[in-house]
């Protein structure tokens, strides 16, 4: 059973055939699919699954915190099932490939106190951009 599917079961989320397929399609360490990519892969497994069901299921997974919605420079949102392991993203500026990365150090510590403007900072999101090996 996939890690994502197991987490959803532990939350008591009702696992329908459609939800199962979406969770199975999303499962993996470096999976950052668009909703359309999820729909295409889900349709290959369950031909009757609708685009609306895929979009609704992704939205529910984001709302309950089991999937992260990743927006990258005006491109289609991508969905990351790696919601419970701290990481940042590395994005190819040309093709949009997204990879999880775990840099050393605390990104919160990188923001000097005088740059916090009185905020109590609780989280940081860092996105690294460049060209992937296929686009170089």
N, C-alpha and C. Protein backbone atom coordinates (compact mmCIF):
# COMPACT_ATOMS: atom_id res chain seq x y z
N UNK A 1 0.85 -1.18 0.00
CA UNK A 1 0.00 0.00 0.00
C UNK A 1 0.89 1.24 0.00
N UNK A 2 0.48 2.27 -0.72
CA UNK A 2 1.27 3.49 -0.81
C UNK A 2 1.29 4.23 0.52
N UNK A 3 2.36 5.01 0.72
CA UNK A 3 2.51 5.80 1.94
C UNK A 3 1.36 6.81 2.06
N UNK A 4 1.03 7.48 0.97
CA UNK A 4 -0.04 8.46 0.98
C UNK A 4 -1.38 7.79 1.31
N UNK A 5 -1.65 6.68 0.69
CA UNK A 5 -2.90 5.97 0.94
C UNK A 5 -2.98 5.53 2.40
N UNK A 6 -1.88 5.07 2.95
CA UNK A 6 -1.85 4.67 4.36
C UNK A 6 -2.13 5.86 5.27
N UNK A 7 -1.53 7.01 4.98
CA UNK A 7 -1.77 8.22 5.79
C UNK A 7 -3.24 8.63 5.71
N UNK A 8 -3.82 8.54 4.53
CA UNK A 8 -5.23 8.90 4.37
C UNK A 8 -6.12 7.96 5.17
N UNK A 9 -5.81 6.68 5.15
CA UNK A 9 -6.59 5.70 5.95
C UNK A 9 -6.48 6.00 7.44
N UNK A 10 -5.27 6.32 7.89
CA UNK A 10 -5.06 6.63 9.31
C UNK A 10 -5.89 7.84 9.74
N UNK A 11 -6.15 8.74 8.84
CA UNK A 11 -6.97 9.92 9.13
C UNK A 11 -8.46 9.60 9.11
N UNK A 12 -8.80 8.38 8.68
CA UNK A 12 -10.19 7.99 8.61
C UNK A 12 -10.88 8.50 7.34
N UNK A 13 -10.08 8.86 6.35
CA UNK A 13 -10.62 9.35 5.08
C UNK A 13 -11.25 8.19 4.33
N UNK A 14 -12.46 8.36 3.86
CA UNK A 14 -13.15 7.29 3.14
C UNK A 14 -12.43 7.02 1.82
N UNK A 15 -11.98 5.80 1.61
CA UNK A 15 -11.20 5.45 0.43
C UNK A 15 -12.12 4.83 -0.62
N UNK A 16 -12.53 5.66 -1.58
CA UNK A 16 -13.31 5.16 -2.72
C UNK A 16 -12.32 4.71 -3.79
N UNK A 17 -12.82 4.07 -4.81
CA UNK A 17 -11.97 3.63 -5.92
C UNK A 17 -11.26 4.83 -6.55
N UNK A 18 -11.99 5.94 -6.72
CA UNK A 18 -11.42 7.13 -7.34
C UNK A 18 -10.33 7.74 -6.47
N UNK A 19 -10.58 7.86 -5.18
CA UNK A 19 -9.59 8.42 -4.26
C UNK A 19 -8.35 7.52 -4.19
N UNK A 20 -8.57 6.23 -4.21
CA UNK A 20 -7.45 5.28 -4.18
C UNK A 20 -6.54 5.49 -5.38
N UNK A 21 -7.14 5.61 -6.56
CA UNK A 21 -6.36 5.77 -7.78
C UNK A 21 -5.57 7.08 -7.75
N UNK A 22 -6.18 8.16 -7.32
CA UNK A 22 -5.48 9.45 -7.24
C UNK A 22 -4.31 9.33 -6.27
N UNK A 23 -4.52 8.73 -5.12
CA UNK A 23 -3.45 8.56 -4.13
C UNK A 23 -2.33 7.69 -4.68
N UNK A 24 -2.67 6.63 -5.38
CA UNK A 24 -1.65 5.75 -5.94
C UNK A 24 -0.84 6.46 -7.03
N UNK A 25 -1.50 7.27 -7.84
CA UNK A 25 -0.81 8.03 -8.89
C UNK A 25 0.17 9.02 -8.27
N UNK A 26 -0.21 9.63 -7.16
CA UNK A 26 0.64 10.64 -6.52
C UNK A 26 1.78 10.06 -5.69
N UNK A 27 1.71 8.81 -5.35
CA UNK A 27 2.68 8.24 -4.42
C UNK A 27 4.10 8.24 -5.00
N UNK A 28 5.06 8.65 -4.18
CA UNK A 28 6.46 8.61 -4.57
C UNK A 28 7.21 9.78 -3.96
N UNK A 29 8.55 9.69 -3.94
CA UNK A 29 9.39 10.71 -3.32
C UNK A 29 9.42 12.02 -4.09
N UNK A 30 9.57 11.96 -5.40
CA UNK A 30 9.75 13.18 -6.19
C UNK A 30 8.60 13.37 -7.17
N UNK A 31 7.39 13.07 -6.74
CA UNK A 31 6.23 13.22 -7.60
C UNK A 31 5.68 14.62 -7.46
N UNK A 32 5.63 15.35 -8.56
CA UNK A 32 5.10 16.71 -8.57
C UNK A 32 4.28 16.86 -9.84
N UNK A 33 3.17 16.19 -9.90
CA UNK A 33 2.34 16.16 -11.10
C UNK A 33 1.34 17.30 -11.11
N UNK A 34 0.96 17.75 -12.30
CA UNK A 34 -0.14 18.70 -12.43
C UNK A 34 -1.44 17.91 -12.30
N UNK A 35 -2.55 18.61 -12.10
CA UNK A 35 -3.85 17.94 -12.01
C UNK A 35 -4.16 17.20 -13.31
N UNK A 36 -3.81 17.78 -14.44
CA UNK A 36 -4.05 17.11 -15.72
C UNK A 36 -3.21 15.84 -15.85
N UNK A 37 -1.97 15.87 -15.36
CA UNK A 37 -1.13 14.67 -15.39
C UNK A 37 -1.71 13.59 -14.47
N UNK A 38 -2.19 14.02 -13.30
CA UNK A 38 -2.82 13.05 -12.39
C UNK A 38 -4.04 12.44 -13.07
N UNK A 39 -4.85 13.27 -13.72
CA UNK A 39 -6.05 12.77 -14.40
C UNK A 39 -5.67 11.78 -15.50
N UNK A 40 -4.68 12.09 -16.31
CA UNK A 40 -4.27 11.19 -17.39
C UNK A 40 -3.80 9.84 -16.84
N UNK A 41 -3.02 9.86 -15.79
CA UNK A 41 -2.53 8.60 -15.20
C UNK A 41 -3.64 7.85 -14.49
N UNK A 42 -4.54 8.59 -13.85
CA UNK A 42 -5.66 7.94 -13.16
C UNK A 42 -6.60 7.30 -14.17
N UNK A 43 -6.83 7.96 -15.30
CA UNK A 43 -7.72 7.42 -16.34
C UNK A 43 -7.16 6.11 -16.91
N UNK A 44 -5.84 6.00 -16.97
CA UNK A 44 -5.23 4.76 -17.46
C UNK A 44 -5.54 3.60 -16.52
N UNK A 45 -5.74 3.88 -15.25
CA UNK A 45 -6.04 2.85 -14.25
C UNK A 45 -7.54 2.65 -14.04
N UNK A 46 -8.28 3.76 -14.14
CA UNK A 46 -9.72 3.75 -13.88
C UNK A 46 -10.38 4.65 -14.93
N UNK A 47 -10.69 4.10 -16.11
CA UNK A 47 -11.13 4.91 -17.24
C UNK A 47 -12.33 5.82 -16.96
N UNK A 48 -13.18 5.46 -16.04
CA UNK A 48 -14.38 6.27 -15.79
C UNK A 48 -14.16 7.44 -14.84
N UNK A 49 -12.96 7.63 -14.31
CA UNK A 49 -12.73 8.73 -13.38
C UNK A 49 -12.80 10.06 -14.13
N UNK A 50 -13.53 11.02 -13.57
CA UNK A 50 -13.70 12.31 -14.24
C UNK A 50 -12.63 13.30 -13.81
N UNK A 51 -12.42 14.28 -14.65
CA UNK A 51 -11.48 15.36 -14.34
C UNK A 51 -11.92 16.09 -13.06
N UNK A 52 -13.22 16.32 -12.92
CA UNK A 52 -13.74 17.01 -11.73
C UNK A 52 -13.44 16.22 -10.46
N UNK A 53 -13.57 14.90 -10.52
CA UNK A 53 -13.27 14.07 -9.36
C UNK A 53 -11.80 14.18 -8.98
N UNK A 54 -10.93 14.18 -9.98
CA UNK A 54 -9.49 14.31 -9.71
C UNK A 54 -9.20 15.66 -9.07
N UNK A 55 -9.74 16.74 -9.64
CA UNK A 55 -9.51 18.08 -9.09
C UNK A 55 -10.07 18.18 -7.66
N UNK A 56 -11.27 17.66 -7.43
CA UNK A 56 -11.86 17.70 -6.10
C UNK A 56 -11.05 16.90 -5.09
N UNK A 57 -10.59 15.72 -5.51
CA UNK A 57 -9.80 14.87 -4.62
C UNK A 57 -8.48 15.54 -4.27
N UNK A 58 -7.82 16.13 -5.26
CA UNK A 58 -6.57 16.86 -4.98
C UNK A 58 -6.83 18.00 -4.01
N UNK A 59 -7.90 18.74 -4.22
CA UNK A 59 -8.24 19.84 -3.32
C UNK A 59 -8.48 19.37 -1.90
N UNK A 60 -9.15 18.25 -1.75
CA UNK A 60 -9.40 17.70 -0.41
C UNK A 60 -8.10 17.27 0.24
N UNK A 61 -7.21 16.65 -0.53
CA UNK A 61 -5.92 16.20 0.02
C UNK A 61 -5.08 17.39 0.47
N UNK A 62 -5.13 18.49 -0.27
CA UNK A 62 -4.42 19.70 0.12
C UNK A 62 -5.03 20.27 1.40
N UNK A 63 -6.36 20.33 1.45
CA UNK A 63 -7.07 20.90 2.60
C UNK A 63 -6.75 20.15 3.89
N UNK A 64 -6.65 18.84 3.82
CA UNK A 64 -6.36 18.07 5.05
C UNK A 64 -4.86 17.96 5.33
N UNK A 65 -4.03 18.55 4.46
CA UNK A 65 -2.59 18.60 4.72
C UNK A 65 -1.81 17.37 4.33
N UNK A 66 -2.37 16.52 3.49
CA UNK A 66 -1.65 15.32 3.07
C UNK A 66 -0.93 15.48 1.73
N UNK A 67 -1.22 16.56 1.04
CA UNK A 67 -0.56 16.89 -0.23
C UNK A 67 -0.30 18.39 -0.22
N UNK A 68 0.84 18.80 -0.76
CA UNK A 68 1.21 20.21 -0.85
C UNK A 68 0.97 20.68 -2.28
N UNK A 69 0.35 21.84 -2.40
CA UNK A 69 0.16 22.45 -3.71
C UNK A 69 1.38 23.34 -3.97
N UNK A 70 2.07 23.09 -5.08
CA UNK A 70 3.29 23.83 -5.41
C UNK A 70 3.01 24.68 -6.65
N UNK A 71 3.13 25.99 -6.50
CA UNK A 71 2.96 26.91 -7.62
C UNK A 71 4.34 27.36 -8.08
N UNK A 72 4.58 27.32 -9.39
CA UNK A 72 5.89 27.70 -9.92
C UNK A 72 5.74 28.66 -11.09
N UNK A 73 5.91 29.94 -10.83
CA UNK A 73 6.00 30.98 -11.86
C UNK A 73 4.93 30.92 -12.95
N UNK A 74 3.68 30.95 -12.57
CA UNK A 74 2.62 31.02 -13.56
C UNK A 74 2.33 29.73 -14.29
N UNK A 75 3.04 28.68 -13.96
CA UNK A 75 2.77 27.37 -14.57
C UNK A 75 1.64 26.71 -13.80
N UNK A 76 1.16 25.60 -14.33
CA UNK A 76 0.11 24.85 -13.64
C UNK A 76 0.61 24.42 -12.26
N UNK A 77 -0.28 24.45 -11.29
CA UNK A 77 0.06 23.98 -9.95
C UNK A 77 0.44 22.51 -10.03
N UNK A 78 1.34 22.13 -9.15
CA UNK A 78 1.76 20.73 -9.05
C UNK A 78 1.43 20.24 -7.65
N UNK A 79 1.31 18.95 -7.51
CA UNK A 79 0.88 18.36 -6.23
C UNK A 79 1.97 17.44 -5.71
N UNK A 80 2.39 17.70 -4.48
CA UNK A 80 3.50 17.02 -3.84
C UNK A 80 2.99 16.21 -2.64
N UNK A 81 3.10 14.88 -2.70
CA UNK A 81 2.63 14.05 -1.59
C UNK A 81 3.59 14.00 -0.40
N UNK A 82 4.73 14.63 -0.53
CA UNK A 82 5.75 14.61 0.51
C UNK A 82 5.46 15.70 1.54
N UNK A 83 4.29 15.64 2.14
CA UNK A 83 3.81 16.72 3.01
C UNK A 83 4.35 16.67 4.43
N UNK A 84 4.91 15.57 4.85
CA UNK A 84 5.30 15.42 6.25
C UNK A 84 6.80 15.32 6.47
N UNK A 85 7.57 15.61 5.43
CA UNK A 85 9.03 15.60 5.55
C UNK A 85 9.54 16.96 5.11
N UNK A 86 10.17 17.71 6.02
CA UNK A 86 10.62 19.06 5.66
C UNK A 86 11.54 19.03 4.44
N UNK A 87 11.23 19.88 3.47
CA UNK A 87 12.05 19.97 2.27
C UNK A 87 11.74 21.27 1.53
N UNK A 88 12.57 21.58 0.58
CA UNK A 88 12.39 22.73 -0.30
C UNK A 88 12.25 22.18 -1.72
N UNK A 89 12.12 23.07 -2.68
CA UNK A 89 11.96 22.62 -4.07
C UNK A 89 13.03 23.22 -4.97
N UNK A 90 13.44 22.42 -5.92
CA UNK A 90 14.36 22.81 -6.98
C UNK A 90 13.56 22.75 -8.27
N UNK A 91 13.46 23.88 -8.99
CA UNK A 91 12.59 23.98 -10.16
C UNK A 91 13.41 24.34 -11.38
N UNK A 92 13.19 23.61 -12.47
CA UNK A 92 13.83 23.94 -13.73
C UNK A 92 13.09 25.12 -14.37
N UNK A 93 13.82 26.17 -14.66
CA UNK A 93 13.22 27.38 -15.23
C UNK A 93 12.72 27.18 -16.65
N UNK A 94 13.19 26.16 -17.32
CA UNK A 94 12.79 25.95 -18.70
C UNK A 94 11.62 24.97 -18.81
N UNK A 95 11.77 23.77 -18.28
CA UNK A 95 10.74 22.74 -18.47
C UNK A 95 9.78 22.61 -17.31
N UNK A 96 10.12 23.19 -16.15
CA UNK A 96 9.23 23.15 -15.00
C UNK A 96 9.37 21.93 -14.11
N UNK A 97 10.33 21.06 -14.38
CA UNK A 97 10.55 19.90 -13.50
C UNK A 97 10.78 20.37 -12.08
N UNK A 98 10.18 19.67 -11.13
CA UNK A 98 10.31 20.02 -9.71
C UNK A 98 10.89 18.82 -8.97
N UNK A 99 11.88 19.06 -8.15
CA UNK A 99 12.49 18.02 -7.32
C UNK A 99 12.50 18.47 -5.87
N UNK A 100 12.34 17.54 -4.95
CA UNK A 100 12.48 17.82 -3.52
C UNK A 100 13.96 17.87 -3.18
N UNK A 101 14.36 18.85 -2.38
CA UNK A 101 15.73 18.94 -1.89
C UNK A 101 15.70 19.23 -0.40
N UNK A 102 16.73 18.78 0.27
CA UNK A 102 16.84 18.98 1.71
C UNK A 102 18.17 19.66 2.02
N UNK A 103 18.22 21.00 1.87
CA UNK A 103 19.48 21.69 2.13
C UNK A 103 19.83 21.63 3.62
N UNK A 104 21.12 21.73 3.89
CA UNK A 104 21.54 21.76 5.29
C UNK A 104 21.32 23.17 5.84
N UNK A 105 21.16 23.27 7.10
CA UNK A 105 20.94 24.57 7.73
C UNK A 105 19.46 24.88 7.86
N UNK A 106 19.17 25.84 8.67
CA UNK A 106 17.81 26.25 8.96
C UNK A 106 17.47 27.50 8.17
N UNK A 107 16.51 27.44 7.23
CA UNK A 107 16.18 28.64 6.46
C UNK A 107 15.63 29.78 7.33
N UNK A 108 15.07 29.45 8.48
CA UNK A 108 14.60 30.51 9.38
C UNK A 108 15.77 31.29 9.95
N UNK A 109 16.87 30.61 10.21
CA UNK A 109 18.05 31.27 10.77
C UNK A 109 18.70 32.18 9.73
N UNK A 110 18.45 31.96 8.45
CA UNK A 110 19.06 32.77 7.40
C UNK A 110 18.45 34.16 7.31
N UNK A 111 17.31 34.38 7.94
CA UNK A 111 16.66 35.69 7.91
C UNK A 111 17.07 36.47 9.16
N UNK A 112 17.89 37.52 8.99
CA UNK A 112 18.36 38.28 10.15
C UNK A 112 17.20 38.93 10.90
N UNK A 113 17.37 39.12 12.18
CA UNK A 113 16.33 39.70 13.03
C UNK A 113 15.86 41.05 12.52
N UNK A 114 16.77 41.88 12.01
CA UNK A 114 16.37 43.21 11.54
C UNK A 114 15.59 43.15 10.22
N UNK A 115 15.53 42.01 9.57
CA UNK A 115 14.76 41.83 8.34
C UNK A 115 13.41 41.16 8.61
N UNK A 116 13.10 40.90 9.86
CA UNK A 116 11.83 40.24 10.19
C UNK A 116 10.71 41.24 10.45
N UNK A 117 11.02 42.51 10.60
CA UNK A 117 10.04 43.58 10.77
C UNK A 117 9.03 43.29 11.88
N UNK A 118 9.53 42.66 12.97
CA UNK A 118 8.66 42.38 14.10
C UNK A 118 7.84 41.11 13.97
N UNK A 119 7.93 40.44 12.82
CA UNK A 119 7.19 39.20 12.63
C UNK A 119 7.76 38.11 13.52
N UNK A 120 6.90 37.23 14.00
CA UNK A 120 7.33 35.99 14.61
C UNK A 120 7.27 34.96 13.48
N UNK A 121 8.42 34.63 12.95
CA UNK A 121 8.48 33.76 11.77
C UNK A 121 8.38 32.31 12.21
N UNK A 122 7.45 31.57 11.61
CA UNK A 122 7.24 30.17 12.01
C UNK A 122 7.61 29.17 10.91
N UNK A 123 7.75 29.65 9.69
CA UNK A 123 8.09 28.73 8.60
C UNK A 123 8.73 29.51 7.46
N UNK A 124 9.49 28.80 6.64
CA UNK A 124 10.12 29.40 5.47
C UNK A 124 10.00 28.44 4.30
N UNK A 125 9.72 29.00 3.14
CA UNK A 125 9.68 28.21 1.91
C UNK A 125 10.73 28.78 0.98
N UNK A 126 11.66 27.94 0.58
CA UNK A 126 12.72 28.37 -0.32
C UNK A 126 12.57 27.57 -1.61
N UNK A 127 12.63 28.27 -2.74
CA UNK A 127 12.58 27.61 -4.02
C UNK A 127 13.87 27.91 -4.76
N UNK A 128 14.59 26.87 -5.12
CA UNK A 128 15.82 27.02 -5.89
C UNK A 128 15.45 26.87 -7.37
N UNK A 129 16.00 27.73 -8.20
CA UNK A 129 15.69 27.70 -9.63
C UNK A 129 16.98 27.54 -10.44
N UNK A 130 16.84 26.88 -11.56
CA UNK A 130 17.98 26.68 -12.45
C UNK A 130 17.54 25.83 -13.62
N UNK A 131 18.50 25.23 -14.30
CA UNK A 131 18.20 24.35 -15.43
C UNK A 131 18.53 22.92 -15.06
N UNK A 132 17.59 22.01 -15.34
CA UNK A 132 17.83 20.59 -15.07
C UNK A 132 18.81 20.04 -16.12
N UNK A 133 19.35 18.85 -15.89
CA UNK A 133 20.30 18.28 -16.85
C UNK A 133 19.76 18.13 -18.27
N UNK A 134 18.45 17.88 -18.40
CA UNK A 134 17.86 17.74 -19.74
C UNK A 134 17.77 19.07 -20.48
N UNK A 135 17.76 20.18 -19.76
CA UNK A 135 17.58 21.50 -20.38
C UNK A 135 18.87 22.29 -20.54
N UNK A 136 19.95 21.79 -19.97
CA UNK A 136 21.22 22.52 -20.05
C UNK A 136 21.76 22.48 -21.47
